[in-house]
Amino acid sequence: STASGLPITVGYSTSNGTALSGSDYGSTSGTLT
């Protein structure tokens, strides 16, 4: 929402809805900096 003077990290991961990982999309996770 606004630039920060500090580094920011956040984890992310996919989760199934009606689409299933492996057959409809590739599951992924990690950390954004």
PDB file of all heavy atoms in Angstrom:
ATOM      1  N   SER A   1       0.825  -1.208   0.000  1.00  0.00           N
ATOM      2  CA  SER A   1       0.000   0.000   0.000  1.00  0.00           C
ATOM      3  C   SER A   1       0.858   1.255   0.000  1.00  0.00           C
ATOM      4  O   SER A   1       0.439   2.303  -0.488  1.00  0.00           O
ATOM      5  CB  SER A   1      -0.921   0.000   1.219  1.00  0.00           C
ATOM      6  OG  SER A   1      -0.142  -0.046   2.413  1.00  0.00           O
ATOM      7  N   THR A   2       2.056   1.149   0.528  1.00  0.00           N
ATOM      8  CA  THR A   2       2.970   2.287   0.576  1.00  0.00           C
ATOM      9  C   THR A   2       4.401   1.759   0.610  1.00  0.00           C
ATOM     10  O   THR A   2       4.647   0.657   1.104  1.00  0.00           O
ATOM     11  CB  THR A   2       2.690   3.161   1.821  1.00  0.00           C
ATOM     12  OG1 THR A   2       3.523   4.309   1.779  1.00  0.00           O
ATOM     13  CG2 THR A   2       2.922   2.413   3.107  1.00  0.00           C
ATOM     14  N   ALA A   3       5.333   2.510   0.073  1.00  0.00           N
ATOM     15  CA  ALA A   3       6.740   2.102   0.121  1.00  0.00           C
ATOM     16  C   ALA A   3       7.223   2.144   1.567  1.00  0.00           C
ATOM     17  O   ALA A   3       6.767   2.949   2.373  1.00  0.00           O
ATOM     18  CB  ALA A   3       7.589   3.030  -0.747  1.00  0.00           C
ATOM     19  N   SER A   4       8.137   1.253   1.885  1.00  0.00           N
ATOM     20  CA  SER A   4       8.682   1.178   3.236  1.00  0.00           C
ATOM     21  C   SER A   4      10.184   1.422   3.183  1.00  0.00           C
ATOM     22  O   SER A   4      10.846   1.082   2.211  1.00  0.00           O
ATOM     23  CB  SER A   4       8.401  -0.206   3.825  1.00  0.00           C
ATOM     24  OG  SER A   4       9.041  -0.349   5.074  1.00  0.00           O
ATOM     25  N   GLY A   5      10.703   1.991   4.240  1.00  0.00           N
ATOM     26  CA  GLY A   5      12.145   2.166   4.347  1.00  0.00           C
ATOM     27  C   GLY A   5      12.835   0.894   4.820  1.00  0.00           C
ATOM     28  O   GLY A   5      14.056   0.828   4.865  1.00  0.00           O
ATOM     29  N   LEU A   6      12.038  -0.117   5.156  1.00  0.00           N
ATOM     30  CA  LEU A   6      12.566  -1.396   5.625  1.00  0.00           C
ATOM     31  C   LEU A   6      12.298  -2.483   4.593  1.00  0.00           C
ATOM     32  O   LEU A   6      11.306  -2.412   3.867  1.00  0.00           O
ATOM     33  CB  LEU A   6      11.867  -1.802   6.936  1.00  0.00           C
ATOM     34  CG  LEU A   6      12.004  -0.857   8.117  1.00  0.00           C
ATOM     35  CD1 LEU A   6      11.077  -1.292   9.243  1.00  0.00           C
ATOM     36  CD2 LEU A   6      13.450  -0.837   8.592  1.00  0.00           C
ATOM     37  N   PRO A   7      13.140  -3.507   4.541  1.00  0.00           N
ATOM     38  CA  PRO A   7      12.810  -4.645   3.683  1.00  0.00           C
ATOM     39  C   PRO A   7      11.586  -5.358   4.259  1.00  0.00           C
ATOM     40  O   PRO A   7      11.410  -5.412   5.473  1.00  0.00           O
ATOM     41  CB  PRO A   7      14.055  -5.518   3.734  1.00  0.00           C
ATOM     42  CG  PRO A   7      14.789  -5.096   4.956  1.00  0.00           C
ATOM     43  CD  PRO A   7      14.416  -3.672   5.219  1.00  0.00           C
ATOM     44  N   ILE A   8      10.744  -5.872   3.372  1.00  0.00           N
ATOM     45  CA  ILE A   8       9.528  -6.577   3.774  1.00  0.00           C
ATOM     46  C   ILE A   8       9.553  -7.961   3.155  1.00  0.00           C
ATOM     47  O   ILE A   8       9.900  -8.110   1.974  1.00  0.00           O
ATOM     48  CB  ILE A   8       8.282  -5.793   3.309  1.00  0.00           C
ATOM     49  CG1 ILE A   8       8.173  -4.500   4.114  1.00  0.00           C
ATOM     50  CG2 ILE A   8       7.013  -6.636   3.431  1.00  0.00           C
ATOM     51  CD1 ILE A   8       7.082  -3.572   3.650  1.00  0.00           C
ATOM     52  N   THR A   9       9.227  -8.973   3.934  1.00  0.00           N
ATOM     53  CA  THR A   9       9.097 -10.319   3.398  1.00  0.00           C
ATOM     54  C   THR A   9       7.705 -10.850   3.711  1.00  0.00           C
ATOM     55  O   THR A   9       7.080 -10.457   4.700  1.00  0.00           O
ATOM     56  CB  THR A   9      10.153 -11.290   3.979  1.00  0.00           C
ATOM     57  OG1 THR A   9       9.967 -11.385   5.392  1.00  0.00           O
ATOM     58  CG2 THR A   9      11.565 -10.843   3.673  1.00  0.00           C
ATOM     59  N   VAL A  10       7.232 -11.748   2.845  1.00  0.00           N
ATOM     60  CA  VAL A  10       5.949 -12.412   3.069  1.00  0.00           C
ATOM     61  C   VAL A  10       6.006 -13.784   2.401  1.00  0.00           C
ATOM     62  O   VAL A  10       6.547 -13.934   1.306  1.00  0.00           O
ATOM     63  CB  VAL A  10       4.766 -11.570   2.535  1.00  0.00           C
ATOM     64  CG1 VAL A  10       4.815 -11.407   1.027  1.00  0.00           C
ATOM     65  CG2 VAL A  10       3.434 -12.155   2.982  1.00  0.00           C
ATOM     66  N   GLY A  11       5.495 -14.774   3.107  1.00  0.00           N
ATOM     67  CA  GLY A  11       5.411 -16.112   2.538  1.00  0.00           C
ATOM     68  C   GLY A  11       4.190 -16.223   1.651  1.00  0.00           C
ATOM     69  O   GLY A  11       3.199 -15.517   1.834  1.00  0.00           O
ATOM     70  N   TYR A  12       4.249 -17.121   0.658  1.00  0.00           N
ATOM     71  CA  TYR A  12       3.084 -17.378  -0.187  1.00  0.00           C
ATOM     72  C   TYR A  12       2.980 -18.867  -0.468  1.00  0.00           C
ATOM     73  O   TYR A  12       3.987 -19.585  -0.461  1.00  0.00           O
ATOM     74  CB  TYR A  12       3.153 -16.588  -1.500  1.00  0.00           C
ATOM     75  CG  TYR A  12       4.278 -16.997  -2.421  1.00  0.00           C
ATOM     76  CD1 TYR A  12       4.109 -17.999  -3.368  1.00  0.00           C
ATOM     77  CD2 TYR A  12       5.528 -16.389  -2.336  1.00  0.00           C
ATOM     78  CE1 TYR A  12       5.151 -18.388  -4.203  1.00  0.00           C
ATOM     79  CE2 TYR A  12       6.569 -16.762  -3.173  1.00  0.00           C
ATOM     80  CZ  TYR A  12       6.375 -17.759  -4.098  1.00  0.00           C
ATOM     81  OH  TYR A  12       7.393 -18.147  -4.919  1.00  0.00           O
ATOM     82  N   SER A  13       1.757 -19.341  -0.667  1.00  0.00           N
ATOM     83  CA  SER A  13       1.537 -20.737  -1.037  1.00  0.00           C
ATOM     84  C   SER A  13       0.189 -20.868  -1.724  1.00  0.00           C
ATOM     85  O   SER A  13      -0.750 -20.131  -1.417  1.00  0.00           O
ATOM     86  CB  SER A  13       1.591 -21.653   0.187  1.00  0.00           C
ATOM     87  OG  SER A  13       0.568 -21.303   1.105  1.00  0.00           O
ATOM     88  N   THR A  14       0.106 -21.788  -2.676  1.00  0.00           N
ATOM     89  CA  THR A  14      -1.147 -22.043  -3.367  1.00  0.00           C
ATOM     90  C   THR A  14      -1.983 -23.035  -2.572  1.00  0.00           C
ATOM     91  O   THR A  14      -1.449 -23.864  -1.831  1.00  0.00           O
ATOM     92  CB  THR A  14      -0.887 -22.622  -4.776  1.00  0.00           C
ATOM     93  OG1 THR A  14      -0.010 -23.743  -4.667  1.00  0.00           O
ATOM     94  CG2 THR A  14      -0.272 -21.584  -5.696  1.00  0.00           C
ATOM     95  N   SER A  15      -3.298 -22.935  -2.730  1.00  0.00           N
ATOM     96  CA  SER A  15      -4.188 -23.935  -2.136  1.00  0.00           C
ATOM     97  C   SER A  15      -5.346 -24.192  -3.079  1.00  0.00           C
ATOM     98  O   SER A  15      -5.790 -23.293  -3.803  1.00  0.00           O
ATOM     99  CB  SER A  15      -4.684 -23.497  -0.754  1.00  0.00           C
ATOM    100  OG  SER A  15      -5.464 -22.336  -0.839  1.00  0.00           O
ATOM    101  N   ASN A  16      -5.821 -25.429  -3.085  1.00  0.00           N
ATOM    102  CA  ASN A  16      -6.882 -25.842  -3.989  1.00  0.00           C
ATOM    103  C   ASN A  16      -8.197 -25.143  -3.698  1.00  0.00           C
ATOM    104  O   ASN A  16      -8.549 -24.908  -2.542  1.00  0.00           O
ATOM    105  CB  ASN A  16      -7.129 -27.351  -3.864  1.00  0.00           C
ATOM    106  CG  ASN A  16      -5.988 -28.186  -4.400  1.00  0.00           C
ATOM    107  OD1 ASN A  16      -5.154 -27.695  -5.152  1.00  0.00           O
ATOM    108  ND2 ASN A  16      -5.953 -29.442  -4.017  1.00  0.00           N
ATOM    109  N   GLY A  17      -8.902 -24.797  -4.773  1.00  0.00           N
ATOM    110  CA  GLY A  17     -10.321 -24.461  -4.700  1.00  0.00           C
ATOM    111  C   GLY A  17     -11.003 -25.601  -5.434  1.00  0.00           C
ATOM    112  O   GLY A  17     -10.873 -26.761  -5.050  1.00  0.00           O
ATOM    113  N   THR A  18     -11.656 -25.292  -6.558  1.00  0.00           N
ATOM    114  CA  THR A  18     -12.176 -26.362  -7.404  1.00  0.00           C
ATOM    115  C   THR A  18     -11.087 -26.879  -8.343  1.00  0.00           C
ATOM    116  O   THR A  18     -11.199 -27.965  -8.896  1.00  0.00           O
ATOM    117  CB  THR A  18     -13.389 -25.875  -8.223  1.00  0.00           C
ATOM    118  OG1 THR A  18     -13.019 -24.694  -8.936  1.00  0.00           O
ATOM    119  CG2 THR A  18     -14.573 -25.563  -7.312  1.00  0.00           C
ATOM    120  N   ALA A  19     -10.022 -26.100  -8.529  1.00  0.00           N
ATOM    121  CA  ALA A  19      -8.849 -26.555  -9.289  1.00  0.00           C
ATOM    122  C   ALA A  19      -7.936 -27.341  -8.351  1.00  0.00           C
ATOM    123  O   ALA A  19      -7.781 -26.988  -7.183  1.00  0.00           O
ATOM    124  CB  ALA A  19      -8.098 -25.359  -9.877  1.00  0.00           C
ATOM    125  N   LEU A  20      -7.355 -28.420  -8.855  1.00  0.00           N
ATOM    126  CA  LEU A  20      -6.521 -29.285  -8.033  1.00  0.00           C
ATOM    127  C   LEU A  20      -5.064 -29.178  -8.451  1.00  0.00           C
ATOM    128  O   LEU A  20      -4.751 -29.256  -9.644  1.00  0.00           O
ATOM    129  CB  LEU A  20      -6.981 -30.743  -8.158  1.00  0.00           C
ATOM    130  CG  LEU A  20      -8.452 -31.010  -7.811  1.00  0.00           C
ATOM    131  CD1 LEU A  20      -8.796 -32.473  -8.063  1.00  0.00           C
ATOM    132  CD2 LEU A  20      -8.737 -30.619  -6.376  1.00  0.00           C
ATOM    133  N   SER A  21      -4.166 -29.024  -7.459  1.00  0.00           N
ATOM    134  CA  SER A  21      -2.745 -28.966  -7.783  1.00  0.00           C
ATOM    135  C   SER A  21      -2.323 -30.305  -8.368  1.00  0.00           C
ATOM    136  O   SER A  21      -2.813 -31.359  -7.974  1.00  0.00           O
ATOM    137  CB  SER A  21      -1.911 -28.617  -6.549  1.00  0.00           C
ATOM    138  OG  SER A  21      -1.917 -29.668  -5.624  1.00  0.00           O
ATOM    139  N   GLY A  22      -1.421 -30.245  -9.315  1.00  0.00           N
ATOM    140  CA  GLY A  22      -0.958 -31.460  -9.970  1.00  0.00           C
ATOM    141  C   GLY A  22      -1.712 -31.749 -11.253  1.00  0.00           C
ATOM    142  O   GLY A  22      -1.113 -32.078 -12.258  1.00  0.00           O
ATOM    143  N   SER A  23      -3.056 -31.604 -11.234  1.00  0.00           N
ATOM    144  CA  SER A  23      -3.815 -31.857 -12.460  1.00  0.00           C
ATOM    145  C   SER A  23      -4.257 -30.570 -13.157  1.00  0.00           C
ATOM    146  O   SER A  23      -4.356 -30.539 -14.376  1.00  0.00           O
ATOM    147  CB  SER A  23      -5.043 -32.746 -12.165  1.00  0.00           C
ATOM    148  OG  SER A  23      -5.916 -32.118 -11.252  1.00  0.00           O
ATOM    149  N   ASP A  24      -4.541 -29.508 -12.395  1.00  0.00           N
ATOM    150  CA  ASP A  24      -5.011 -28.255 -12.995  1.00  0.00           C
ATOM    151  C   ASP A  24      -3.973 -27.131 -12.928  1.00  0.00           C
ATOM    152  O   ASP A  24      -3.975 -26.234 -13.760  1.00  0.00           O
ATOM    153  CB  ASP A  24      -6.291 -27.777 -12.303  1.00  0.00           C
ATOM    154  CG  ASP A  24      -7.453 -28.736 -12.528  1.00  0.00           C
ATOM    155  OD1 ASP A  24      -7.665 -29.137 -13.691  1.00  0.00           O
ATOM    156  OD2 ASP A  24      -8.129 -29.090 -11.552  1.00  0.00           O
ATOM    157  N   TYR A  25      -3.115 -27.159 -11.931  1.00  0.00           N
ATOM    158  CA  TYR A  25      -2.073 -26.130 -11.791  1.00  0.00           C
ATOM    159  C   TYR A  25      -0.918 -26.711 -10.995  1.00  0.00           C
ATOM    160  O   TYR A  25      -1.054 -27.734 -10.330  1.00  0.00           O
ATOM    161  CB  TYR A  25      -2.626 -24.864 -11.112  1.00  0.00           C
ATOM    162  CG  TYR A  25      -2.912 -25.023  -9.631  1.00  0.00           C
ATOM    163  CD1 TYR A  25      -1.972 -24.637  -8.678  1.00  0.00           C
ATOM    164  CD2 TYR A  25      -4.106 -25.577  -9.184  1.00  0.00           C
ATOM    165  CE1 TYR A  25      -2.216 -24.798  -7.327  1.00  0.00           C
ATOM    166  CE2 TYR A  25      -4.357 -25.737  -7.844  1.00  0.00           C
ATOM    167  CZ  TYR A  25      -3.410 -25.350  -6.913  1.00  0.00           C
ATOM    168  OH  TYR A  25      -3.657 -25.523  -5.575  1.00  0.00           O
ATOM    169  N   GLY A  26       0.229 -26.039 -11.074  1.00  0.00           N
ATOM    170  CA  GLY A  26       1.407 -26.482 -10.336  1.00  0.00           C
ATOM    171  C   GLY A  26       1.472 -25.808  -8.977  1.00  0.00           C
ATOM    172  O   GLY A  26       1.531 -24.587  -8.890  1.00  0.00           O
ATOM    173  N   SER A  27       1.437 -26.600  -7.927  1.00  0.00           N
ATOM    174  CA  SER A  27       1.531 -26.062  -6.569  1.00  0.00           C
ATOM    175  C   SER A  27       2.854 -25.320  -6.405  1.00  0.00           C
ATOM    176  O   SER A  27       3.889 -25.761  -6.908  1.00  0.00           O
ATOM    177  CB  SER A  27       1.450 -27.227  -5.575  1.00  0.00           C
ATOM    178  OG  SER A  27       1.591 -26.766  -4.264  1.00  0.00           O
ATOM    179  N   THR A  28       2.814 -24.194  -5.727  1.00  0.00           N
ATOM    180  CA  THR A  28       4.039 -23.439  -5.506  1.00  0.00           C
ATOM    181  C   THR A  28       3.984 -22.730  -4.161  1.00  0.00           C
ATOM    182  O   THR A  28       2.911 -22.446  -3.640  1.00  0.00           O
ATOM    183  CB  THR A  28       4.290 -22.419  -6.649  1.00  0.00           C
ATOM    184  OG1 THR A  28       5.579 -21.839  -6.480  1.00  0.00           O
ATOM    185  CG2 THR A  28       3.249 -21.323  -6.676  1.00  0.00           C
ATOM    186  N   SER A  29       5.146 -22.479  -3.609  1.00  0.00           N
ATOM    187  CA  SER A  29       5.245 -21.721  -2.361  1.00  0.00           C
ATOM    188  C   SER A  29       6.637 -21.118  -2.279  1.00  0.00           C
ATOM    189  O   SER A  29       7.541 -21.516  -3.011  1.00  0.00           O
ATOM    190  CB  SER A  29       4.977 -22.614  -1.152  1.00  0.00           C
ATOM    191  OG  SER A  29       5.961 -23.628  -1.060  1.00  0.00           O
ATOM    192  N   GLY A  30       6.785 -20.146  -1.395  1.00  0.00           N
ATOM    193  CA  GLY A  30       8.087 -19.513  -1.239  1.00  0.00           C
ATOM    194  C   GLY A  30       7.957 -18.251  -0.421  1.00  0.00           C
ATOM    195  O   GLY A  30       6.968 -18.052   0.286  1.00  0.00           O
ATOM    196  N   THR A  31       8.955 -17.395  -0.545  1.00  0.00           N
ATOM    197  CA  THR A  31       8.962 -16.122   0.169  1.00  0.00           C
ATOM    198  C   THR A  31       9.287 -15.012  -0.821  1.00  0.00           C
ATOM    199  O   THR A  31      10.223 -15.130  -1.603  1.00  0.00           O
ATOM    200  CB  THR A  31      10.030 -16.134   1.286  1.00  0.00           C
ATOM    201  OG1 THR A  31       9.739 -17.194   2.187  1.00  0.00           O
ATOM    202  CG2 THR A  31      10.039 -14.814   2.047  1.00  0.00           C
ATOM    203  N   LEU A  32       8.480 -13.955  -0.786  1.00  0.00           N
ATOM    204  CA  LEU A  32       8.766 -12.758  -1.580  1.00  0.00           C
ATOM    205  C   LEU A  32       9.482 -11.755  -0.693  1.00  0.00           C
ATOM    206  O   LEU A  32       9.140 -11.608   0.475  1.00  0.00           O
ATOM    207  CB  LEU A  32       7.472 -12.107  -2.067  1.00  0.00           C
ATOM    208  CG  LEU A  32       6.674 -12.823  -3.138  1.00  0.00           C
ATOM    209  CD1 LEU A  32       5.405 -12.038  -3.438  1.00  0.00           C
ATOM    210  CD2 LEU A  32       7.500 -12.990  -4.398  1.00  0.00           C
ATOM    211  N   THR A  33      10.459 -11.059  -1.261  1.00  0.00           N
ATOM    212  CA  THR A  33      11.154 -10.009  -0.534  1.00  0.00           C
ATOM    213  C   THR A  33      11.006  -8.697  -1.297  1.00  0.00           C
ATOM    214  O   THR A  33      11.286  -8.631  -2.495  1.00  0.00           O
ATOM    215  CB  THR A  33      12.652 -10.344  -0.383  1.00  0.00           C
ATOM    216  OG1 THR A  33      12.768 -11.578   0.329  1.00  0.00           O
ATOM    217  CG2 THR A  33      13.383  -9.240   0.367  1.00  0.00           C
TER     218      THR A  33
END
